Amino acid sequence: MLARTGFAVNGLLHILIGLVAITIALHQSNDKSADQTGALSELAAAPGGRLLLWVVVIGLAALGVWLILSAFLDGRGDRTKRAAHIANNLAKGIVYLVIAGTALTFANGGSSSSSASTKGASAGLLATPGGVVIAVLIGLAIVGVGVYFVIKGARRTFLTDIVSPPEGTAHATVFLGVLGYCAKGLSLGAVGVLFIVAAVTADPNKATGLDGALKSFAALPFGMIVLIVIGAGWIAYGLYCFLRARLAKF
């Protein structure tokens, strides 16, 4: 139940990030962060937001723990598939625990900035021997994750993560999943590219994380339209997460 709650609150965060991205695209505000910290900040400022933040903390922490446990306790499949399963679930579990930790900071009345943290981490990495090579490899890995999301959305393989949707909701589930996974994949790909650019140019300020990646779309030709579509995709992914909270295979 707690892990399913984690999928739901993850969906809420994605919806908020999508709304912030659309707001930026419409030039209503450029001060908000289009990332997890921006979404958590929006929750903290809402009526009853502190209580909701604690739900986010518990849900994401439970989902992270469940993914890590399932990585090692699920013995299905051959050795190659099992190794991929362990790596995939372990990485996702750690990410959810990190976001839960950030949510805990906001729930306790604090604040944080993913963009500033990314810049600081990039600066520290580039200052170490061989740091540029490592930073480029990290950027390529992030781009790879983005490509994985796009492929998973385009091929609809995300449907293997859930039980068959009820009659009448199957088409909506597929639509939200395809749009959501592709939009998130493009965003992660942009994050990876910015990380690589920061490494090659030795400028950690260009490693701005998800916030900078989404805002970079606004600088493209027809950038406002592109960013609105990306924002709508993040909202679609969030809605898919709500469906997954109910339909996820455990």
C-alpha atoms as a PDB file:
ATOM      1  CA  MET A   1       0.000   0.000   0.000  1.00  0.00           C
ATOM      2  CA  LEU A   2       2.795   2.419   0.893  1.00  0.00           C
ATOM      3  CA  ALA A   3       4.664   1.643  -2.330  1.00  0.00           C
ATOM      4  CA  ARG A   4       1.488   2.320  -4.328  1.00  0.00           C
ATOM      5  CA  THR A   5       1.222   5.635  -2.467  1.00  0.00           C
ATOM      6  CA  GLY A   6       4.768   6.302  -3.665  1.00  0.00           C
ATOM      7  CA  PHE A   7       3.702   5.915  -7.289  1.00  0.00           C
ATOM      8  CA  ALA A   8       0.816   8.322  -6.673  1.00  0.00           C
ATOM      9  CA  VAL A   9       2.893  11.060  -5.022  1.00  0.00           C
ATOM     10  CA  ASN A  10       5.534  10.625  -7.736  1.00  0.00           C
ATOM     11  CA  GLY A  11       2.747  11.330 -10.193  1.00  0.00           C
ATOM     12  CA  LEU A  12       1.787  14.459  -8.266  1.00  0.00           C
ATOM     13  CA  LEU A  13       5.376  15.756  -8.438  1.00  0.00           C
ATOM     14  CA  HIS A  14       5.508  15.147 -12.201  1.00  0.00           C
ATOM     15  CA  ILE A  15       2.232  17.009 -12.697  1.00  0.00           C
ATOM     16  CA  LEU A  16       3.553  19.994 -10.730  1.00  0.00           C
ATOM     17  CA  ILE A  17       6.815  20.004 -12.732  1.00  0.00           C
ATOM     18  CA  GLY A  18       4.775  19.939 -15.951  1.00  0.00           C
ATOM     19  CA  LEU A  19       2.624  22.847 -14.788  1.00  0.00           C
ATOM     20  CA  VAL A  20       5.718  24.885 -13.880  1.00  0.00           C
ATOM     21  CA  ALA A  21       7.201  24.158 -17.319  1.00  0.00           C
ATOM     22  CA  ILE A  22       4.020  25.355 -19.033  1.00  0.00           C
ATOM     23  CA  THR A  23       3.973  28.466 -16.829  1.00  0.00           C
ATOM     24  CA  ILE A  24       7.552  29.244 -17.891  1.00  0.00           C
ATOM     25  CA  ALA A  25       6.653  28.649 -21.546  1.00  0.00           C
ATOM     26  CA  LEU A  26       3.839  31.176 -21.299  1.00  0.00           C
ATOM     27  CA  HIS A  27       6.300  33.697 -19.793  1.00  0.00           C
ATOM     28  CA  GLN A  28       4.210  33.983 -16.660  1.00  0.00           C
ATOM     29  CA  SER A  29       7.223  33.247 -14.463  1.00  0.00           C
ATOM     30  CA  ASN A  30      10.854  32.294 -14.910  1.00  0.00           C
ATOM     31  CA  ASP A  31      11.690  32.307 -11.205  1.00  0.00           C
ATOM     32  CA  LYS A  32      10.179  28.906 -10.440  1.00  0.00           C
ATOM     33  CA  SER A  33      12.292  25.762 -10.655  1.00  0.00           C
ATOM     34  CA  ALA A  34      10.988  23.203 -13.141  1.00  0.00           C
ATOM     35  CA  ASP A  35      12.280  20.219 -11.180  1.00  0.00           C
ATOM     36  CA  GLN A  36      11.583  18.196  -8.033  1.00  0.00           C
ATOM     37  CA  THR A  37      12.596  21.006  -5.671  1.00  0.00           C
ATOM     38  CA  GLY A  38      10.305  23.393  -7.532  1.00  0.00           C
ATOM     39  CA  ALA A  39       7.417  20.951  -7.205  1.00  0.00           C
ATOM     40  CA  LEU A  40       8.136  20.427  -3.502  1.00  0.00           C
ATOM     41  CA  SER A  41       8.304  24.184  -3.002  1.00  0.00           C
ATOM     42  CA  GLU A  42       4.871  24.519  -4.605  1.00  0.00           C
ATOM     43  CA  LEU A  43       3.515  21.880  -2.229  1.00  0.00           C
ATOM     44  CA  ALA A  44       5.077  23.582   0.799  1.00  0.00           C
ATOM     45  CA  ALA A  45       3.352  26.856  -0.105  1.00  0.00           C
ATOM     46  CA  ALA A  46      -0.089  25.269  -0.563  1.00  0.00           C
ATOM     47  CA  PRO A  47      -2.690  25.045   2.236  1.00  0.00           C
ATOM     48  CA  GLY A  48      -2.038  21.812   4.107  1.00  0.00           C
ATOM     49  CA  GLY A  49       1.167  21.442   2.124  1.00  0.00           C
ATOM     50  CA  ARG A  50       3.276  20.442   5.116  1.00  0.00           C
ATOM     51  CA  LEU A  51       1.034  17.424   5.772  1.00  0.00           C
ATOM     52  CA  LEU A  52       1.074  16.503   2.092  1.00  0.00           C
ATOM     53  CA  LEU A  53       4.862  16.727   2.097  1.00  0.00           C
ATOM     54  CA  TRP A  54       5.005  14.110   4.851  1.00  0.00           C
ATOM     55  CA  VAL A  55       2.824  11.860   2.676  1.00  0.00           C
ATOM     56  CA  VAL A  56       5.339  12.414  -0.143  1.00  0.00           C
ATOM     57  CA  VAL A  57       8.236  11.528   2.178  1.00  0.00           C
ATOM     58  CA  ILE A  58       6.606   8.310   3.396  1.00  0.00           C
ATOM     59  CA  GLY A  59       5.353   7.261  -0.043  1.00  0.00           C
ATOM     60  CA  LEU A  60       8.619   7.833  -1.899  1.00  0.00           C
ATOM     61  CA  ALA A  61      10.703   6.282   0.883  1.00  0.00           C
ATOM     62  CA  ALA A  62       8.468   3.195   0.877  1.00  0.00           C
ATOM     63  CA  LEU A  63       8.654   2.949  -2.915  1.00  0.00           C
ATOM     64  CA  GLY A  64      12.439   3.293  -2.794  1.00  0.00           C
ATOM     65  CA  VAL A  65      12.776   0.566  -0.161  1.00  0.00           C
ATOM     66  CA  TRP A  66      10.404  -1.737  -2.060  1.00  0.00           C
ATOM     67  CA  LEU A  67      12.387  -1.304  -5.303  1.00  0.00           C
ATOM     68  CA  ILE A  68      15.694  -2.039  -3.558  1.00  0.00           C
ATOM     69  CA  LEU A  69      14.272  -5.116  -1.839  1.00  0.00           C
ATOM     70  CA  SER A  70      12.653  -6.391  -5.032  1.00  0.00           C
ATOM     71  CA  ALA A  71      15.972  -5.968  -6.837  1.00  0.00           C
ATOM     72  CA  PHE A  72      17.483  -8.721  -4.702  1.00  0.00           C
ATOM     73  CA  LEU A  73      14.458 -10.793  -3.673  1.00  0.00           C
ATOM     74  CA  ASP A  74      12.918 -11.308  -7.112  1.00  0.00           C
ATOM     75  CA  GLY A  75      14.734 -14.329  -8.537  1.00  0.00           C
ATOM     76  CA  ARG A  76      12.787 -14.663 -11.785  1.00  0.00           C
ATOM     77  CA  GLY A  77      14.486 -14.734 -15.186  1.00  0.00           C
ATOM     78  CA  ASP A  78      17.901 -15.866 -16.390  1.00  0.00           C
ATOM     79  CA  ARG A  79      21.205 -14.463 -15.100  1.00  0.00           C
ATOM     80  CA  THR A  80      21.403 -11.623 -17.660  1.00  0.00           C
ATOM     81  CA  LYS A  81      17.838 -10.453 -17.089  1.00  0.00           C
ATOM     82  CA  ARG A  82      18.289 -10.751 -13.342  1.00  0.00           C
ATOM     83  CA  ALA A  83      21.442  -8.584 -13.441  1.00  0.00           C
ATOM     84  CA  ALA A  84      19.584  -5.924 -15.458  1.00  0.00           C
ATOM     85  CA  HIS A  85      16.655  -6.142 -13.042  1.00  0.00           C
ATOM     86  CA  ILE A  86      18.940  -5.628 -10.040  1.00  0.00           C
ATOM     87  CA  ALA A  87      20.727  -2.647 -11.614  1.00  0.00           C
ATOM     88  CA  ASN A  88      17.485  -1.036 -12.786  1.00  0.00           C
ATOM     89  CA  ASN A  89      15.533  -1.375  -9.534  1.00  0.00           C
ATOM     90  CA  LEU A  90      18.510  -0.530  -7.359  1.00  0.00           C
ATOM     91  CA  ALA A  91      19.162   2.704  -9.285  1.00  0.00           C
ATOM     92  CA  LYS A  92      15.502   3.722  -9.219  1.00  0.00           C
ATOM     93  CA  GLY A  93      15.197   2.866  -5.526  1.00  0.00           C
ATOM     94  CA  ILE A  94      18.161   5.086  -4.655  1.00  0.00           C
ATOM     95  CA  VAL A  95      16.724   7.961  -6.723  1.00  0.00           C
ATOM     96  CA  TYR A  96      13.383   7.736  -4.900  1.00  0.00           C
ATOM     97  CA  LEU A  97      15.135   7.701  -1.531  1.00  0.00           C
ATOM     98  CA  VAL A  98      17.120  10.809  -2.489  1.00  0.00           C
ATOM     99  CA  ILE A  99      13.937  12.638  -3.533  1.00  0.00           C
ATOM    100  CA  ALA A 100      12.286  11.492  -0.290  1.00  0.00           C
ATOM    101  CA  GLY A 101      15.220  13.017   1.599  1.00  0.00           C
ATOM    102  CA  THR A 102      14.741  16.315  -0.252  1.00  0.00           C
ATOM    103  CA  ALA A 103      11.013  16.213   0.539  1.00  0.00           C
ATOM    104  CA  LEU A 104      11.904  15.641   4.195  1.00  0.00           C
ATOM    105  CA  THR A 105      13.925  18.872   4.141  1.00  0.00           C
ATOM    106  CA  PHE A 106      10.878  20.792   2.887  1.00  0.00           C
ATOM    107  CA  ALA A 107       8.557  19.008   5.333  1.00  0.00           C
ATOM    108  CA  ASN A 108      10.768  20.217   8.190  1.00  0.00           C
ATOM    109  CA  GLY A 109      10.507  23.814   6.971  1.00  0.00           C
ATOM    110  CA  GLY A 110      13.794  23.914   5.050  1.00  0.00           C
ATOM    111  CA  SER A 111      14.517  24.431   1.370  1.00  0.00           C
ATOM    112  CA  SER A 112      16.833  23.112  -1.303  1.00  0.00           C
ATOM    113  CA  SER A 113      17.836  23.691  -4.923  1.00  0.00           C
ATOM    114  CA  SER A 114      18.534  20.826  -7.287  1.00  0.00           C
ATOM    115  CA  SER A 115      20.078  23.192  -9.819  1.00  0.00           C
ATOM    116  CA  ALA A 116      22.546  24.631  -7.288  1.00  0.00           C
ATOM    117  CA  SER A 117      23.386  21.145  -6.006  1.00  0.00           C
ATOM    118  CA  THR A 118      24.035  19.917  -9.550  1.00  0.00           C
ATOM    119  CA  LYS A 119      26.294  22.886 -10.286  1.00  0.00           C
ATOM    120  CA  GLY A 120      28.203  22.319  -7.042  1.00  0.00           C
ATOM    121  CA  ALA A 121      28.629  18.622  -7.713  1.00  0.00           C
ATOM    122  CA  SER A 122      29.740  19.325 -11.278  1.00  0.00           C
ATOM    123  CA  ALA A 123      32.265  21.926 -10.124  1.00  0.00           C
ATOM    124  CA  GLY A 124      33.727  19.525  -7.566  1.00  0.00           C
ATOM    125  CA  LEU A 125      33.937  16.739 -10.129  1.00  0.00           C
ATOM    126  CA  LEU A 126      35.597  18.896 -12.795  1.00  0.00           C
ATOM    127  CA  ALA A 127      38.210  20.002 -10.253  1.00  0.00           C
ATOM    128  CA  THR A 128      39.403  16.420  -9.663  1.00  0.00           C
ATOM    129  CA  PRO A 129      41.952  14.570 -11.835  1.00  0.00           C
ATOM    130  CA  GLY A 130      40.090  12.835 -14.648  1.00  0.00           C
ATOM    131  CA  GLY A 131      36.915  14.651 -13.627  1.00  0.00           C
ATOM    132  CA  VAL A 132      36.139  15.805 -17.165  1.00  0.00           C
ATOM    133  CA  VAL A 133      36.118  12.228 -18.452  1.00  0.00           C
ATOM    134  CA  ILE A 134      33.945  11.075 -15.556  1.00  0.00           C
ATOM    135  CA  ALA A 135      31.546  13.988 -16.096  1.00  0.00           C
ATOM    136  CA  VAL A 136      31.243  13.140 -19.798  1.00  0.00           C
ATOM    137  CA  LEU A 137      30.539   9.496 -18.942  1.00  0.00           C
ATOM    138  CA  ILE A 138      27.871  10.586 -16.435  1.00  0.00           C
ATOM    139  CA  GLY A 139      26.317  12.809 -19.086  1.00  0.00           C
ATOM    140  CA  LEU A 140      26.323   9.953 -21.602  1.00  0.00           C
ATOM    141  CA  ALA A 141      24.732   7.674 -19.007  1.00  0.00           C
ATOM    142  CA  ILE A 142      21.955  10.229 -18.409  1.00  0.00           C
ATOM    143  CA  VAL A 143      21.420  10.532 -22.163  1.00  0.00           C
ATOM    144  CA  GLY A 144      21.220   6.737 -22.281  1.00  0.00           C
ATOM    145  CA  VAL A 145      18.524   6.745 -19.613  1.00  0.00           C
ATOM    146  CA  GLY A 146      16.642   9.347 -21.632  1.00  0.00           C
ATOM    147  CA  VAL A 147      16.848   7.191 -24.763  1.00  0.00           C
ATOM    148  CA  TYR A 148      15.638   4.222 -22.700  1.00  0.00           C
ATOM    149  CA  PHE A 149      12.571   6.203 -21.592  1.00  0.00           C
ATOM    150  CA  VAL A 150      11.772   7.260 -25.164  1.00  0.00           C
ATOM    151  CA  ILE A 151      12.108   3.698 -26.451  1.00  0.00           C
ATOM    152  CA  LYS A 152      10.036   2.348 -23.569  1.00  0.00           C
ATOM    153  CA  GLY A 153       7.320   4.851 -24.386  1.00  0.00           C
ATOM    154  CA  ALA A 154       7.420   4.374 -28.160  1.00  0.00           C
ATOM    155  CA  ARG A 155       7.393   0.570 -27.895  1.00  0.00           C
ATOM    156  CA  ARG A 156       4.816   0.620 -25.087  1.00  0.00           C
ATOM    157  CA  THR A 157       6.867  -1.817 -23.026  1.00  0.00           C
ATOM    158  CA  PHE A 158       5.773   0.066 -19.907  1.00  0.00           C
ATOM    159  CA  LEU A 159       2.586  -1.972 -20.163  1.00  0.00           C
ATOM    160  CA  THR A 160       4.540  -4.950 -18.787  1.00  0.00           C
ATOM    161  CA  ASP A 161       4.855  -3.063 -15.479  1.00  0.00           C
ATOM    162  CA  ILE A 162       1.114  -3.082 -14.894  1.00  0.00           C
ATOM    163  CA  VAL A 163      -1.809  -5.480 -15.006  1.00  0.00           C
ATOM    164  CA  SER A 164      -4.300  -5.129 -17.845  1.00  0.00           C
ATOM    165  CA  PRO A 165      -6.219  -1.845 -17.440  1.00  0.00           C
ATOM    166  CA  PRO A 166      -9.990  -2.077 -16.927  1.00  0.00           C
ATOM    167  CA  GLU A 167     -12.209  -1.946 -19.986  1.00  0.00           C
ATOM    168  CA  GLY A 168     -12.609   1.633 -21.154  1.00  0.00           C
ATOM    169  CA  THR A 169      -9.321   2.935 -19.715  1.00  0.00           C
ATOM    170  CA  ALA A 170      -6.840   0.954 -21.820  1.00  0.00           C
ATOM    171  CA  HIS A 171      -6.518   3.561 -24.582  1.00  0.00           C
ATOM    172  CA  ALA A 172      -6.095   6.386 -22.073  1.00  0.00           C
ATOM    173  CA  THR A 173      -3.441   4.407 -20.207  1.00  0.00           C
ATOM    174  CA  VAL A 174      -1.478   3.770 -23.407  1.00  0.00           C
ATOM    175  CA  PHE A 175      -1.759   7.405 -24.532  1.00  0.00           C
ATOM    176  CA  LEU A 176      -0.613   8.807 -21.189  1.00  0.00           C
ATOM    177  CA  GLY A 177       2.219   6.302 -20.957  1.00  0.00           C
ATOM    178  CA  VAL A 178       3.557   6.910 -24.472  1.00  0.00           C
ATOM    179  CA  LEU A 179       3.401  10.705 -24.180  1.00  0.00           C
ATOM    180  CA  GLY A 180       4.736  10.695 -20.624  1.00  0.00           C
ATOM    181  CA  TYR A 181       7.694   8.372 -21.167  1.00  0.00           C
ATOM    182  CA  CYS A 182       8.756  10.127 -24.386  1.00  0.00           C
ATOM    183  CA  ALA A 183       8.544  13.599 -22.809  1.00  0.00           C
ATOM    184  CA  LYS A 184      10.492  12.516 -19.740  1.00  0.00           C
ATOM    185  CA  GLY A 185      13.077  10.819 -21.951  1.00  0.00           C
ATOM    186  CA  LEU A 186      13.621  13.996 -23.983  1.00  0.00           C
ATOM    187  CA  SER A 187      14.018  16.004 -20.778  1.00  0.00           C
ATOM    188  CA  LEU A 188      16.564  13.576 -19.323  1.00  0.00           C
ATOM    189  CA  GLY A 189      18.427  13.574 -22.622  1.00  0.00           C
ATOM    190  CA  ALA A 190      18.700  17.363 -22.405  1.00  0.00           C
ATOM    191  CA  VAL A 191      20.014  17.065 -18.829  1.00  0.00           C
ATOM    192  CA  GLY A 192      22.721  14.685 -20.043  1.00  0.00           C
ATOM    193  CA  VAL A 193      23.685  16.943 -22.947  1.00  0.00           C
ATOM    194  CA  LEU A 194      24.039  19.941 -20.610  1.00  0.00           C
ATOM    195  CA  PHE A 195      26.215  17.847 -18.307  1.00  0.00           C
ATOM    196  CA  ILE A 196      28.471  16.920 -21.231  1.00  0.00           C
ATOM    197  CA  VAL A 197      28.653  20.559 -22.370  1.00  0.00           C
ATOM    198  CA  ALA A 198      29.612  21.602 -18.838  1.00  0.00           C
ATOM    199  CA  ALA A 199      32.391  19.012 -18.845  1.00  0.00           C
ATOM    200  CA  VAL A 200      33.769  19.868 -22.297  1.00  0.00           C
ATOM    201  CA  THR A 201      33.706  23.632 -21.664  1.00  0.00           C
ATOM    202  CA  ALA A 202      34.857  23.274 -18.019  1.00  0.00           C
ATOM    203  CA  ASP A 203      31.873  25.427 -17.020  1.00  0.00           C
ATOM    204  CA  PRO A 204      29.877  23.815 -14.170  1.00  0.00           C
ATOM    205  CA  ASN A 205      27.250  26.583 -14.451  1.00  0.00           C
ATOM    206  CA  LYS A 206      25.972  24.849 -17.582  1.00  0.00           C
ATOM    207  CA  ALA A 207      25.152  21.698 -15.597  1.00  0.00           C
ATOM    208  CA  THR A 208      21.818  22.988 -14.371  1.00  0.00           C
ATOM    209  CA  GLY A 209      19.922  19.730 -13.977  1.00  0.00           C
ATOM    210  CA  LEU A 210      16.294  19.247 -14.980  1.00  0.00           C
ATOM    211  CA  ASP A 211      15.350  22.886 -14.368  1.00  0.00           C
ATOM    212  CA  GLY A 212      17.958  24.178 -16.812  1.00  0.00           C
ATOM    213  CA  ALA A 213      17.218  21.409 -19.294  1.00  0.00           C
ATOM    214  CA  LEU A 214      13.522  22.243 -19.479  1.00  0.00           C
ATOM    215  CA  LYS A 215      14.193  25.972 -19.667  1.00  0.00           C
ATOM    216  CA  SER A 216      16.703  25.345 -22.479  1.00  0.00           C
ATOM    217  CA  PHE A 217      13.834  24.132 -24.656  1.00  0.00           C
ATOM    218  CA  ALA A 218      12.418  27.671 -24.519  1.00  0.00           C
ATOM    219  CA  ALA A 219      15.483  28.925 -26.421  1.00  0.00           C
ATOM    220  CA  LEU A 220      14.768  26.644 -29.385  1.00  0.00           C
ATOM    221  CA  PRO A 221      12.824  27.746 -32.486  1.00  0.00           C
ATOM    222  CA  PHE A 222       9.159  27.529 -31.526  1.00  0.00           C
ATOM    223  CA  GLY A 223      10.515  26.931 -28.017  1.00  0.00           C
ATOM    224  CA  MET A 224       7.293  27.989 -26.297  1.00  0.00           C
ATOM    225  CA  ILE A 225       5.341  25.306 -28.153  1.00  0.00           C
ATOM    226  CA  VAL A 226       8.054  22.698 -27.520  1.00  0.00           C
ATOM    227  CA  LEU A 227       8.142  23.461 -23.790  1.00  0.00           C
ATOM    228  CA  ILE A 228       4.341  23.358 -23.542  1.00  0.00           C
ATOM    229  CA  VAL A 229       4.325  19.933 -25.221  1.00  0.00           C
ATOM    230  CA  ILE A 230       7.114  18.724 -22.878  1.00  0.00           C
ATOM    231  CA  GLY A 231       5.196  20.102 -19.878  1.00  0.00           C
ATOM    232  CA  ALA A 232       2.032  18.369 -21.064  1.00  0.00           C
ATOM    233  CA  GLY A 233       4.084  15.188 -21.377  1.00  0.00           C
ATOM    234  CA  TRP A 234       5.232  15.442 -17.764  1.00  0.00           C
ATOM    235  CA  ILE A 235       1.610  15.923 -16.709  1.00  0.00           C
ATOM    236  CA  ALA A 236       0.668  12.860 -18.777  1.00  0.00           C
ATOM    237  CA  TYR A 237       3.415  10.859 -17.058  1.00  0.00           C
ATOM    238  CA  GLY A 238       2.087  12.012 -13.700  1.00  0.00           C
ATOM    239  CA  LEU A 239      -1.417  10.858 -14.588  1.00  0.00           C
ATOM    240  CA  TYR A 240       0.029   7.529 -15.755  1.00  0.00           C
ATOM    241  CA  CYS A 241       1.726   7.197 -12.349  1.00  0.00           C
ATOM    242  CA  PHE A 242      -1.692   7.533 -10.706  1.00  0.00           C
ATOM    243  CA  LEU A 243      -2.935   4.683 -12.874  1.00  0.00           C
ATOM    244  CA  ARG A 244       0.189   2.692 -12.096  1.00  0.00           C
ATOM    245  CA  ALA A 245      -0.424   3.182  -8.376  1.00  0.00           C
ATOM    246  CA  ARG A 246      -3.505   1.057  -8.834  1.00  0.00           C
ATOM    247  CA  LEU A 247      -2.343  -1.294 -11.595  1.00  0.00           C
ATOM    248  CA  ALA A 248       1.313  -1.897 -10.702  1.00  0.00           C
ATOM    249  CA  LYS A 249       2.513  -5.490 -10.549  1.00  0.00           C
ATOM    250  CA  PHE A 250       3.905  -6.446  -7.133  1.00  0.00           C
END
